[in-house]
Amino acid sequence: MTDATAGRPNQKSRTRKDLLDAAARLLRQGRRPTLEDVAEEALVSRATAYRYFPNVDALLVEAPLDGAMPDPDALFADGSEDPVERLNIVDAALDDMIAANEQALRLMLALSLQQDRNGDHDPVPARQNRRAALIDSALEPARDDIDPVVRQRLSRALALILGTESMVVLKDVLQLDPAEAREVKRWAIAALVNAATRSGRP
């Protein structure tokens, strides 16, 4: 994979984020923008905006959620360096955000699943990867204790546990109450971090 090819997913995520930020700015002005308005605000073409979002409703549902995500700097202001404790802080903050925005998050999931991605040889992200930055910040104090390859695998495994999809499984499929769901996630977080740490230092 060339450097140019490797950079394309990041560029696509940045373009998608620019569209979300532009929509959020217009919404804060009290407007209900069209997709063309958002494209102009984000300094991208109308065709580009339509490639990332099939309609303005999908964009306007997601834009406020993007701004509702917890800020890593605020989460870890207490200075804890225990990765398990830090990940539990992330989980609790995400739980609060999800509880406050559950209906909109479920709608966002439904809209993303409706996107037709067949035959797209250069796909754009169907979803914004917001949880990775939180997970990476939580794991930062353990950077020297976990092999980089293992740390990447750990981060990806944690992404299965933290977030909206986990809520759907725990609440809808397993029918757990919030306290039970929190205990399951905390057990899984500790188990994954311990397994990664046992894999050895870099």
N, C-alpha and C. Protein backbone atom coordinates (compact mmCIF):
# COMPACT_ATOMS: atom_id res chain seq x y z
N MET A 1 0.84 -1.19 0.00
CA MET A 1 0.00 0.00 0.00
C MET A 1 0.88 1.24 0.00
N THR A 2 0.65 2.16 -0.93
CA THR A 2 1.43 3.38 -1.01
C THR A 2 0.97 4.36 0.06
N ASP A 3 1.83 5.38 0.31
CA ASP A 3 1.46 6.40 1.28
C ASP A 3 0.19 7.12 0.85
N ALA A 4 0.08 7.36 -0.47
CA ALA A 4 -1.10 8.06 -0.97
C ALA A 4 -2.35 7.24 -0.75
N THR A 5 -2.26 5.93 -0.99
CA THR A 5 -3.42 5.06 -0.79
C THR A 5 -3.78 4.97 0.68
N ALA A 6 -2.76 4.87 1.54
CA ALA A 6 -3.00 4.76 2.98
C ALA A 6 -3.68 6.01 3.52
N GLY A 7 -3.37 7.17 2.92
CA GLY A 7 -3.92 8.41 3.43
C GLY A 7 -5.34 8.68 3.00
N ARG A 8 -5.84 7.94 2.02
CA ARG A 8 -7.16 8.24 1.49
C ARG A 8 -8.29 8.01 2.50
N PRO A 9 -8.28 6.91 3.28
CA PRO A 9 -9.35 6.77 4.27
C PRO A 9 -9.38 7.92 5.27
N ASN A 10 -8.19 8.39 5.70
CA ASN A 10 -8.14 9.51 6.63
C ASN A 10 -8.70 10.78 5.99
N GLN A 11 -8.36 10.99 4.71
CA GLN A 11 -8.87 12.17 4.02
C GLN A 11 -10.39 12.11 3.89
N LYS A 12 -10.91 10.92 3.61
CA LYS A 12 -12.36 10.77 3.48
C LYS A 12 -13.05 11.02 4.82
N SER A 13 -12.45 10.54 5.90
CA SER A 13 -13.02 10.80 7.22
C SER A 13 -13.01 12.28 7.53
N ARG A 14 -11.93 12.98 7.12
CA ARG A 14 -11.86 14.42 7.37
C ARG A 14 -12.91 15.16 6.55
N THR A 15 -13.12 14.74 5.30
CA THR A 15 -14.14 15.38 4.47
C THR A 15 -15.52 15.18 5.09
N ARG A 16 -15.79 13.97 5.54
CA ARG A 16 -17.08 13.69 6.18
C ARG A 16 -17.25 14.54 7.44
N LYS A 17 -16.17 14.65 8.22
CA LYS A 17 -16.22 15.47 9.44
C LYS A 17 -16.44 16.94 9.10
N ASP A 18 -15.84 17.42 8.02
CA ASP A 18 -16.05 18.81 7.60
C ASP A 18 -17.52 19.06 7.29
N LEU A 19 -18.18 18.09 6.65
CA LEU A 19 -19.60 18.23 6.34
C LEU A 19 -20.44 18.26 7.62
N LEU A 20 -20.11 17.40 8.58
CA LEU A 20 -20.82 17.39 9.85
C LEU A 20 -20.64 18.71 10.60
N ASP A 21 -19.40 19.21 10.62
CA ASP A 21 -19.13 20.47 11.31
C ASP A 21 -19.88 21.62 10.64
N ALA A 22 -19.91 21.62 9.31
CA ALA A 22 -20.61 22.67 8.58
C ALA A 22 -22.10 22.63 8.89
N ALA A 23 -22.67 21.44 8.89
CA ALA A 23 -24.10 21.31 9.22
C ALA A 23 -24.38 21.80 10.63
N ALA A 24 -23.50 21.46 11.57
CA ALA A 24 -23.69 21.89 12.96
C ALA A 24 -23.66 23.41 13.06
N ARG A 25 -22.74 24.05 12.34
CA ARG A 25 -22.67 25.52 12.38
C ARG A 25 -23.97 26.14 11.86
N LEU A 26 -24.48 25.59 10.76
CA LEU A 26 -25.71 26.14 10.19
C LEU A 26 -26.91 25.90 11.11
N LEU A 27 -26.93 24.75 11.76
CA LEU A 27 -28.02 24.46 12.70
C LEU A 27 -27.98 25.41 13.89
N ARG A 28 -26.78 25.74 14.36
CA ARG A 28 -26.65 26.67 15.49
C ARG A 28 -27.12 28.08 15.13
N GLN A 29 -27.14 28.37 13.84
CA GLN A 29 -27.64 29.66 13.38
C GLN A 29 -29.17 29.68 13.29
N GLY A 30 -29.80 28.55 13.64
CA GLY A 30 -31.24 28.47 13.59
C GLY A 30 -31.78 28.12 12.22
N ARG A 31 -30.93 27.64 11.35
CA ARG A 31 -31.34 27.30 9.99
C ARG A 31 -31.58 25.80 9.87
N ARG A 32 -32.40 25.42 8.90
CA ARG A 32 -32.49 24.02 8.50
C ARG A 32 -31.93 23.94 7.08
N PRO A 33 -30.63 23.71 6.98
CA PRO A 33 -29.96 23.84 5.68
C PRO A 33 -30.30 22.69 4.73
N THR A 34 -30.15 22.96 3.45
CA THR A 34 -30.19 21.91 2.44
C THR A 34 -28.80 21.29 2.35
N LEU A 35 -28.70 20.18 1.65
CA LEU A 35 -27.38 19.56 1.48
C LEU A 35 -26.48 20.48 0.66
N GLU A 36 -27.07 21.24 -0.24
CA GLU A 36 -26.29 22.21 -1.02
C GLU A 36 -25.74 23.30 -0.11
N ASP A 37 -26.54 23.76 0.85
CA ASP A 37 -26.06 24.77 1.81
C ASP A 37 -24.87 24.24 2.60
N VAL A 38 -24.99 23.00 3.04
CA VAL A 38 -23.91 22.41 3.83
C VAL A 38 -22.65 22.25 2.99
N ALA A 39 -22.81 21.82 1.75
CA ALA A 39 -21.66 21.67 0.86
C ALA A 39 -20.94 23.01 0.68
N GLU A 40 -21.71 24.06 0.48
CA GLU A 40 -21.11 25.39 0.32
C GLU A 40 -20.38 25.81 1.58
N GLU A 41 -20.98 25.57 2.74
CA GLU A 41 -20.35 25.93 4.01
C GLU A 41 -19.07 25.13 4.25
N ALA A 42 -19.06 23.87 3.81
CA ALA A 42 -17.90 23.00 4.00
C ALA A 42 -16.85 23.15 2.91
N LEU A 43 -17.15 23.99 1.91
CA LEU A 43 -16.22 24.24 0.79
C LEU A 43 -15.95 22.98 -0.01
N VAL A 44 -17.01 22.20 -0.23
CA VAL A 44 -16.90 21.03 -1.11
C VAL A 44 -18.02 21.12 -2.15
N SER A 45 -17.90 20.30 -3.18
CA SER A 45 -18.91 20.34 -4.22
C SER A 45 -20.21 19.67 -3.76
N ARG A 46 -21.29 20.01 -4.45
CA ARG A 46 -22.58 19.39 -4.18
C ARG A 46 -22.49 17.88 -4.39
N ALA A 47 -21.78 17.46 -5.45
CA ALA A 47 -21.63 16.03 -5.74
C ALA A 47 -20.90 15.31 -4.61
N THR A 48 -19.89 15.96 -4.04
CA THR A 48 -19.16 15.35 -2.92
C THR A 48 -20.07 15.17 -1.72
N ALA A 49 -20.85 16.19 -1.41
CA ALA A 49 -21.76 16.09 -0.26
C ALA A 49 -22.73 14.93 -0.44
N TYR A 50 -23.27 14.77 -1.65
CA TYR A 50 -24.21 13.69 -1.90
C TYR A 50 -23.53 12.33 -1.86
N ARG A 51 -22.25 12.29 -2.12
CA ARG A 51 -21.54 11.01 -2.05
C ARG A 51 -21.42 10.53 -0.60
N TYR A 52 -21.26 11.48 0.32
CA TYR A 52 -21.10 11.12 1.73
C TYR A 52 -22.43 10.95 2.45
N PHE A 53 -23.42 11.71 2.03
CA PHE A 53 -24.74 11.65 2.67
C PHE A 53 -25.81 11.60 1.59
N PRO A 54 -26.62 10.53 1.55
CA PRO A 54 -27.60 10.38 0.47
C PRO A 54 -28.69 11.43 0.49
N ASN A 55 -28.92 12.04 1.66
CA ASN A 55 -29.93 13.10 1.76
C ASN A 55 -29.60 13.96 2.97
N VAL A 56 -30.23 15.12 3.03
CA VAL A 56 -29.91 16.05 4.10
C VAL A 56 -30.38 15.54 5.46
N ASP A 57 -31.44 14.73 5.48
CA ASP A 57 -31.93 14.23 6.76
C ASP A 57 -30.87 13.40 7.48
N ALA A 58 -30.17 12.54 6.75
CA ALA A 58 -29.11 11.73 7.35
C ALA A 58 -28.03 12.60 7.96
N LEU A 59 -27.70 13.69 7.27
CA LEU A 59 -26.67 14.60 7.76
C LEU A 59 -27.14 15.37 8.99
N LEU A 60 -28.39 15.83 8.96
CA LEU A 60 -28.89 16.64 10.07
C LEU A 60 -29.17 15.81 11.31
N VAL A 61 -29.42 14.52 11.15
CA VAL A 61 -29.56 13.65 12.31
C VAL A 61 -28.21 13.47 13.00
N GLU A 62 -27.16 13.28 12.19
CA GLU A 62 -25.85 12.95 12.76
C GLU A 62 -25.08 14.15 13.28
N ALA A 63 -25.27 15.31 12.67
CA ALA A 63 -24.45 16.47 13.05
C ALA A 63 -24.51 16.81 14.54
N PRO A 64 -25.71 16.87 15.16
CA PRO A 64 -25.73 17.17 16.60
C PRO A 64 -25.09 16.07 17.44
N LEU A 65 -25.18 14.82 16.98
CA LEU A 65 -24.57 13.71 17.72
C LEU A 65 -23.06 13.82 17.71
N ASP A 66 -22.52 14.31 16.60
CA ASP A 66 -21.08 14.48 16.49
C ASP A 66 -20.59 15.44 17.58
N GLY A 67 -21.37 16.50 17.81
CA GLY A 67 -20.98 17.47 18.82
C GLY A 67 -21.26 17.03 20.24
N ALA A 68 -22.06 15.97 20.41
CA ALA A 68 -22.40 15.49 21.75
C ALA A 68 -21.38 14.50 22.31
N MET A 69 -20.41 14.11 21.48
CA MET A 69 -19.43 13.13 21.96
C MET A 69 -18.57 13.72 23.07
N PRO A 70 -18.19 12.89 24.06
CA PRO A 70 -17.35 13.38 25.15
C PRO A 70 -15.98 13.85 24.65
N ASP A 71 -15.40 14.80 25.36
CA ASP A 71 -14.09 15.33 25.03
C ASP A 71 -13.03 14.61 25.87
N PRO A 72 -12.05 13.95 25.22
CA PRO A 72 -11.04 13.20 25.99
C PRO A 72 -10.32 14.05 27.02
N ASP A 73 -9.99 15.29 26.67
CA ASP A 73 -9.24 16.14 27.61
C ASP A 73 -10.03 16.37 28.89
N ALA A 74 -11.34 16.53 28.77
CA ALA A 74 -12.18 16.74 29.94
C ALA A 74 -12.34 15.45 30.74
N LEU A 75 -12.43 14.32 30.04
CA LEU A 75 -12.65 13.04 30.71
C LEU A 75 -11.48 12.67 31.61
N PHE A 76 -10.27 12.97 31.17
CA PHE A 76 -9.09 12.49 31.89
C PHE A 76 -8.38 13.61 32.64
N ALA A 77 -9.14 14.61 33.03
CA ALA A 77 -8.55 15.74 33.77
C ALA A 77 -8.02 15.34 35.13
N ASP A 78 -8.53 14.20 35.68
CA ASP A 78 -8.08 13.79 37.02
C ASP A 78 -6.70 13.17 37.01
N GLY A 79 -6.16 12.88 35.82
CA GLY A 79 -4.80 12.39 35.70
C GLY A 79 -4.60 10.91 35.93
N SER A 80 -5.66 10.12 36.03
CA SER A 80 -5.51 8.68 36.20
C SER A 80 -4.74 8.08 35.03
N GLU A 81 -3.83 7.15 35.32
CA GLU A 81 -3.05 6.50 34.26
C GLU A 81 -3.38 5.02 34.12
N ASP A 82 -4.35 4.53 34.87
CA ASP A 82 -4.77 3.13 34.77
C ASP A 82 -5.66 2.98 33.54
N PRO A 83 -5.23 2.20 32.52
CA PRO A 83 -6.03 2.11 31.30
C PRO A 83 -7.43 1.55 31.52
N VAL A 84 -7.57 0.60 32.43
CA VAL A 84 -8.90 0.04 32.70
C VAL A 84 -9.80 1.11 33.30
N GLU A 85 -9.27 1.85 34.26
CA GLU A 85 -10.05 2.92 34.88
C GLU A 85 -10.42 3.98 33.85
N ARG A 86 -9.47 4.33 32.99
CA ARG A 86 -9.73 5.34 31.96
C ARG A 86 -10.78 4.85 30.96
N LEU A 87 -10.71 3.58 30.59
CA LEU A 87 -11.71 3.03 29.67
C LEU A 87 -13.09 2.96 30.31
N ASN A 88 -13.14 2.69 31.61
CA ASN A 88 -14.43 2.72 32.31
C ASN A 88 -15.01 4.13 32.33
N ILE A 89 -14.14 5.13 32.42
CA ILE A 89 -14.59 6.52 32.35
C ILE A 89 -15.18 6.81 30.98
N VAL A 90 -14.51 6.33 29.94
CA VAL A 90 -15.03 6.50 28.57
C VAL A 90 -16.39 5.82 28.44
N ASP A 91 -16.48 4.60 28.95
CA ASP A 91 -17.74 3.85 28.85
C ASP A 91 -18.88 4.59 29.54
N ALA A 92 -18.61 5.12 30.74
CA ALA A 92 -19.65 5.84 31.48
C ALA A 92 -20.07 7.10 30.73
N ALA A 93 -19.11 7.82 30.16
CA ALA A 93 -19.43 9.04 29.42
C ALA A 93 -20.24 8.72 28.16
N LEU A 94 -19.86 7.65 27.47
CA LEU A 94 -20.62 7.25 26.29
C LEU A 94 -22.03 6.79 26.67
N ASP A 95 -22.15 6.08 27.76
CA ASP A 95 -23.48 5.65 28.23
C ASP A 95 -24.38 6.86 28.47
N ASP A 96 -23.82 7.91 29.10
CA ASP A 96 -24.60 9.12 29.36
C ASP A 96 -25.03 9.77 28.05
N MET A 97 -24.09 9.85 27.10
CA MET A 97 -24.40 10.46 25.80
C MET A 97 -25.46 9.66 25.06
N ILE A 98 -25.34 8.33 25.10
CA ILE A 98 -26.30 7.46 24.41
C ILE A 98 -27.68 7.58 25.04
N ALA A 99 -27.74 7.59 26.36
CA ALA A 99 -29.03 7.72 27.05
C ALA A 99 -29.72 9.03 26.69
N ALA A 100 -28.94 10.08 26.52
CA ALA A 100 -29.52 11.39 26.21
C ALA A 100 -29.92 11.53 24.74
N ASN A 101 -29.39 10.64 23.88
CA ASN A 101 -29.62 10.78 22.43
C ASN A 101 -30.02 9.46 21.79
N GLU A 102 -30.65 8.55 22.57
CA GLU A 102 -30.89 7.20 22.06
C GLU A 102 -31.73 7.18 20.78
N GLN A 103 -32.80 7.93 20.74
CA GLN A 103 -33.67 7.90 19.56
C GLN A 103 -32.92 8.35 18.31
N ALA A 104 -32.16 9.44 18.43
CA ALA A 104 -31.41 9.95 17.29
C ALA A 104 -30.31 8.97 16.87
N LEU A 105 -29.67 8.32 17.83
CA LEU A 105 -28.63 7.34 17.51
C LEU A 105 -29.21 6.13 16.80
N ARG A 106 -30.37 5.68 17.24
CA ARG A 106 -31.00 4.55 16.56
C ARG A 106 -31.38 4.93 15.12
N LEU A 107 -31.85 6.15 14.93
CA LEU A 107 -32.19 6.61 13.59
C LEU A 107 -30.93 6.71 12.73
N MET A 108 -29.83 7.20 13.30
CA MET A 108 -28.58 7.27 12.56
C MET A 108 -28.13 5.88 12.12
N LEU A 109 -28.24 4.89 13.03
CA LEU A 109 -27.89 3.52 12.67
C LEU A 109 -28.75 3.02 11.52
N ALA A 110 -30.04 3.25 11.60
CA ALA A 110 -30.95 2.79 10.56
C ALA A 110 -30.61 3.43 9.22
N LEU A 111 -30.33 4.73 9.22
CA LEU A 111 -30.01 5.43 7.97
C LEU A 111 -28.70 4.93 7.38
N SER A 112 -27.71 4.64 8.23
CA SER A 112 -26.43 4.15 7.71
C SER A 112 -26.57 2.76 7.11
N LEU A 113 -27.45 1.94 7.67
CA LEU A 113 -27.67 0.59 7.15
C LEU A 113 -28.42 0.61 5.82
N GLN A 114 -29.12 1.69 5.54
CA GLN A 114 -29.88 1.79 4.30
C GLN A 114 -29.03 2.21 3.11
N GLN A 115 -27.81 2.65 3.36
CA GLN A 115 -26.96 3.10 2.26
C GLN A 115 -26.57 1.92 1.38
N ASP A 116 -26.73 2.10 0.07
CA ASP A 116 -26.38 1.07 -0.90
C ASP A 116 -24.89 1.19 -1.23
N ARG A 117 -24.09 0.21 -0.77
CA ARG A 117 -22.65 0.28 -0.97
C ARG A 117 -22.16 -0.74 -1.99
N ASN A 118 -23.09 -1.46 -2.62
CA ASN A 118 -22.71 -2.45 -3.62
C ASN A 118 -22.12 -1.77 -4.85
N GLY A 119 -21.01 -2.33 -5.31
CA GLY A 119 -20.41 -1.84 -6.54
C GLY A 119 -19.59 -0.57 -6.38
N ASP A 120 -19.46 -0.06 -5.16
CA ASP A 120 -18.66 1.15 -4.95
C ASP A 120 -17.21 0.72 -4.73
N HIS A 121 -16.37 0.98 -5.73
CA HIS A 121 -14.97 0.52 -5.65
C HIS A 121 -14.09 1.49 -4.86
N ASP A 122 -14.62 2.64 -4.52
CA ASP A 122 -13.88 3.62 -3.73
C ASP A 122 -14.82 4.20 -2.67
N PRO A 123 -15.27 3.34 -1.73
CA PRO A 123 -16.34 3.76 -0.81
C PRO A 123 -15.91 4.84 0.16
N VAL A 124 -16.87 5.66 0.53
CA VAL A 124 -16.65 6.65 1.60
C VAL A 124 -17.16 6.04 2.90
N PRO A 125 -16.73 6.57 4.05
CA PRO A 125 -17.19 5.99 5.32
C PRO A 125 -18.70 6.12 5.49
N ALA A 126 -19.34 5.02 5.90
CA ALA A 126 -20.78 5.07 6.18
C ALA A 126 -21.05 5.71 7.53
N ARG A 127 -20.05 5.70 8.39
CA ARG A 127 -20.18 6.25 9.74
C ARG A 127 -18.90 7.00 10.09
N GLN A 128 -19.03 7.94 10.99
CA GLN A 128 -17.85 8.66 11.48
C GLN A 128 -17.26 7.86 12.64
N ASN A 129 -15.95 7.67 12.62
CA ASN A 129 -15.28 6.92 13.69
C ASN A 129 -14.96 7.87 14.83
N ARG A 130 -15.90 7.99 15.76
CA ARG A 130 -15.71 8.91 16.89
C ARG A 130 -15.12 8.21 18.11
N ARG A 131 -15.37 6.91 18.25
CA ARG A 131 -14.95 6.24 19.49
C ARG A 131 -13.45 5.96 19.52
N ALA A 132 -12.82 5.85 18.35
CA ALA A 132 -11.39 5.50 18.32
C ALA A 132 -10.54 6.53 19.06
N ALA A 133 -10.84 7.81 18.91
CA ALA A 133 -10.06 8.84 19.58
C ALA A 133 -10.19 8.72 21.10
N LEU A 134 -11.38 8.38 21.58
CA LEU A 134 -11.58 8.20 23.02
C LEU A 134 -10.79 6.99 23.52
N ILE A 135 -10.86 5.89 22.77
CA ILE A 135 -10.15 4.67 23.17
C ILE A 135 -8.65 4.91 23.16
N ASP A 136 -8.14 5.54 22.10
CA ASP A 136 -6.70 5.79 22.02
C ASP A 136 -6.22 6.70 23.15
N SER A 137 -7.03 7.69 23.50
CA SER A 137 -6.66 8.57 24.62
C SER A 137 -6.64 7.80 25.94
N ALA A 138 -7.60 6.90 26.10
CA ALA A 138 -7.65 6.10 27.33
C ALA A 138 -6.44 5.19 27.44
N LEU A 139 -5.96 4.69 26.31
CA LEU A 139 -4.83 3.75 26.32
C LEU A 139 -3.47 4.44 26.29
N GLU A 140 -3.44 5.74 26.13
CA GLU A 140 -2.17 6.45 25.97
C GLU A 140 -1.17 6.17 27.09
N PRO A 141 -1.56 6.15 28.38
CA PRO A 141 -0.57 5.87 29.42
C PRO A 141 0.06 4.48 29.32
N ALA A 142 -0.60 3.55 28.63
CA ALA A 142 -0.08 2.19 28.49
C ALA A 142 0.70 1.99 27.19
N ARG A 143 1.00 3.10 26.52
CA ARG A 143 1.66 3.00 25.21
C ARG A 143 2.95 2.19 25.28
N ASP A 144 3.74 2.37 26.33
CA ASP A 144 5.02 1.68 26.43
C ASP A 144 4.89 0.27 26.99
N ASP A 145 3.69 -0.12 27.42
CA ASP A 145 3.50 -1.42 28.05
C ASP A 145 2.89 -2.46 27.12
N ILE A 146 2.42 -2.03 25.97
CA ILE A 146 1.73 -2.95 25.06
C ILE A 146 2.34 -2.81 23.67
N ASP A 147 2.68 -3.92 23.07
CA ASP A 147 3.21 -3.94 21.72
C ASP A 147 2.26 -3.18 20.77
N PRO A 148 2.79 -2.38 19.84
CA PRO A 148 1.92 -1.58 18.97
C PRO A 148 0.89 -2.40 18.18
N VAL A 149 1.27 -3.57 17.71
CA VAL A 149 0.33 -4.40 16.96
C VAL A 149 -0.79 -4.88 17.89
N VAL A 150 -0.41 -5.29 19.10
CA VAL A 150 -1.41 -5.73 20.07
C VAL A 150 -2.28 -4.57 20.51
N ARG A 151 -1.69 -3.39 20.66
CA ARG A 151 -2.46 -2.22 21.07
C ARG A 151 -3.51 -1.85 20.02
N GLN A 152 -3.14 -1.98 18.75
CA GLN A 152 -4.12 -1.70 17.69
C GLN A 152 -5.26 -2.70 17.73
N ARG A 153 -4.91 -3.98 17.95
CA ARG A 153 -5.94 -5.01 18.03
C ARG A 153 -6.84 -4.77 19.24
N LEU A 154 -6.23 -4.37 20.36
CA LEU A 154 -6.99 -4.06 21.57
C LEU A 154 -7.96 -2.91 21.31
N SER A 155 -7.48 -1.85 20.66
CA SER A 155 -8.32 -0.70 20.36
C SER A 155 -9.52 -1.12 19.51
N ARG A 156 -9.29 -1.96 18.54
CA ARG A 156 -10.38 -2.40 17.67
C ARG A 156 -11.36 -3.29 18.42
N ALA A 157 -10.85 -4.14 19.31
CA ALA A 157 -11.74 -4.99 20.09
C ALA A 157 -12.60 -4.16 21.04
N LEU A 158 -11.99 -3.13 21.62
CA LEU A 158 -12.74 -2.26 22.53
C LEU A 158 -13.84 -1.49 21.80
N ALA A 159 -13.62 -1.21 20.52
CA ALA A 159 -14.64 -0.51 19.73
C ALA A 159 -15.92 -1.34 19.58
N LEU A 160 -15.80 -2.65 19.76
CA LEU A 160 -17.00 -3.51 19.72
C LEU A 160 -17.82 -3.39 21.00
N ILE A 161 -17.16 -2.98 22.07
CA ILE A 161 -17.79 -2.98 23.40
C ILE A 161 -18.34 -1.60 23.76
N LEU A 162 -17.69 -0.57 23.27
CA LEU A 162 -18.05 0.80 23.63
C LEU A 162 -18.84 1.44 22.50
N GLY A 163 -20.04 1.93 22.79
CA GLY A 163 -20.78 2.64 21.76
C GLY A 163 -22.20 2.16 21.57
N THR A 164 -22.83 2.69 20.54
CA THR A 164 -24.25 2.47 20.29
C THR A 164 -24.58 1.02 19.99
N GLU A 165 -23.75 0.37 19.18
CA GLU A 165 -24.05 -1.00 18.81
C GLU A 165 -24.05 -1.92 20.03
N SER A 166 -23.15 -1.67 20.96
CA SER A 166 -23.13 -2.43 22.20
C SER A 166 -24.42 -2.23 22.98
N MET A 167 -24.90 -0.99 23.01
CA MET A 167 -26.17 -0.70 23.68
C MET A 167 -27.31 -1.51 23.08
N VAL A 168 -27.35 -1.59 21.75
CA VAL A 168 -28.42 -2.33 21.08
C VAL A 168 -28.38 -3.81 21.46
N VAL A 169 -27.18 -4.39 21.48
CA VAL A 169 -27.05 -5.81 21.83
C VAL A 169 -27.45 -6.05 23.29
N LEU A 170 -26.89 -5.25 24.18
CA LEU A 170 -27.13 -5.47 25.61
C LEU A 170 -28.57 -5.19 26.00
N LYS A 171 -29.15 -4.15 25.42
CA LYS A 171 -30.50 -3.74 25.80
C LYS A 171 -31.57 -4.51 25.03
N ASP A 172 -31.43 -4.59 23.71
CA ASP A 172 -32.48 -5.18 22.88
C ASP A 172 -32.38 -6.70 22.80
N VAL A 173 -31.17 -7.19 22.57
CA VAL A 173 -30.98 -8.63 22.36
C VAL A 173 -30.92 -9.37 23.68
N LEU A 174 -30.03 -8.92 24.58
CA LEU A 174 -29.87 -9.62 25.86
C LEU A 174 -30.85 -9.14 26.93
N GLN A 175 -31.47 -7.99 26.69
CA GLN A 175 -32.48 -7.44 27.60
C GLN A 175 -31.93 -7.23 29.02
N LEU A 176 -30.72 -6.69 29.09
CA LEU A 176 -30.11 -6.38 30.38
C LEU A 176 -30.50 -4.97 30.81
N ASP A 177 -30.62 -4.77 32.12
CA ASP A 177 -30.85 -3.41 32.60
C ASP A 177 -29.51 -2.67 32.59
N PRO A 178 -29.53 -1.34 32.73
CA PRO A 178 -28.29 -0.57 32.60
C PRO A 178 -27.17 -1.01 33.55
N ALA A 179 -27.51 -1.38 34.79
CA ALA A 179 -26.48 -1.80 35.74
C ALA A 179 -25.83 -3.10 35.30
N GLU A 180 -26.64 -4.05 34.83
CA GLU A 180 -26.09 -5.32 34.35
C GLU A 180 -25.23 -5.11 33.11
N ALA A 181 -25.70 -4.26 32.21
CA ALA A 181 -24.94 -3.99 31.00
C ALA A 181 -23.59 -3.36 31.34
N ARG A 182 -23.58 -2.44 32.29
CA ARG A 182 -22.33 -1.80 32.70
C ARG A 182 -21.35 -2.82 33.27
N GLU A 183 -21.84 -3.78 34.06
CA GLU A 183 -20.97 -4.80 34.64
C GLU A 183 -20.37 -5.70 33.55
N VAL A 184 -21.18 -6.07 32.57
CA VAL A 184 -20.66 -6.88 31.47
C VAL A 184 -19.55 -6.15 30.73
N LYS A 185 -19.76 -4.88 30.44
CA LYS A 185 -18.76 -4.12 29.70
C LYS A 185 -17.49 -3.93 30.52
N ARG A 186 -17.65 -3.68 31.81
CA ARG A 186 -16.46 -3.49 32.64
C ARG A 186 -15.64 -4.78 32.74
N TRP A 187 -16.33 -5.90 32.80
CA TRP A 187 -15.62 -7.19 32.82
C TRP A 187 -14.87 -7.38 31.51
N ALA A 188 -15.52 -7.09 30.40
CA ALA A 188 -14.89 -7.28 29.09
C ALA A 188 -13.71 -6.32 28.90
N ILE A 189 -13.86 -5.09 29.34
CA ILE A 189 -12.76 -4.11 29.23
C ILE A 189 -11.53 -4.60 30.00
N ALA A 190 -11.74 -5.01 31.24
CA ALA A 190 -10.61 -5.49 32.06
C ALA A 190 -9.98 -6.73 31.45
N ALA A 191 -10.81 -7.65 30.95
CA ALA A 191 -10.28 -8.88 30.36
C ALA A 191 -9.43 -8.58 29.13
N LEU A 192 -9.90 -7.68 28.28
CA LEU A 192 -9.16 -7.35 27.06
C LEU A 192 -7.84 -6.64 27.39
N VAL A 193 -7.86 -5.68 28.31
CA VAL A 193 -6.64 -4.98 28.67
C VAL A 193 -5.65 -5.94 29.32
N ASN A 194 -6.12 -6.81 30.18
CA ASN A 194 -5.22 -7.78 30.81
C ASN A 194 -4.60 -8.72 29.78
N ALA A 195 -5.41 -9.17 28.82
CA ALA A 195 -4.89 -10.06 27.78
C ALA A 195 -3.83 -9.35 26.94
N ALA A 196 -4.09 -8.08 26.61
CA ALA A 196 -3.11 -7.33 25.81
C ALA A 196 -1.83 -7.08 26.59
N THR A 197 -1.96 -6.79 27.88
CA THR A 197 -0.78 -6.53 28.70
C THR A 197 0.07 -7.80 28.84
N ARG A 198 -0.60 -8.95 28.97
CA ARG A 198 0.15 -10.22 29.08
C ARG A 198 0.88 -10.58 27.79
N SER A 199 0.49 -9.96 26.69
CA SER A 199 1.14 -10.28 25.41
C SER A 199 2.57 -9.75 25.37
N GLY A 200 2.92 -8.92 26.34
CA GLY A 200 4.33 -8.50 26.45
C GLY A 200 4.56 -7.08 26.01
N ARG A 201 5.68 -6.53 26.44
CA ARG A 201 6.08 -5.19 26.09
C ARG A 201 6.61 -5.17 24.67
N PRO A 202 6.62 -4.00 24.02
CA PRO A 202 7.17 -3.91 22.66
C PRO A 202 8.64 -4.27 22.62
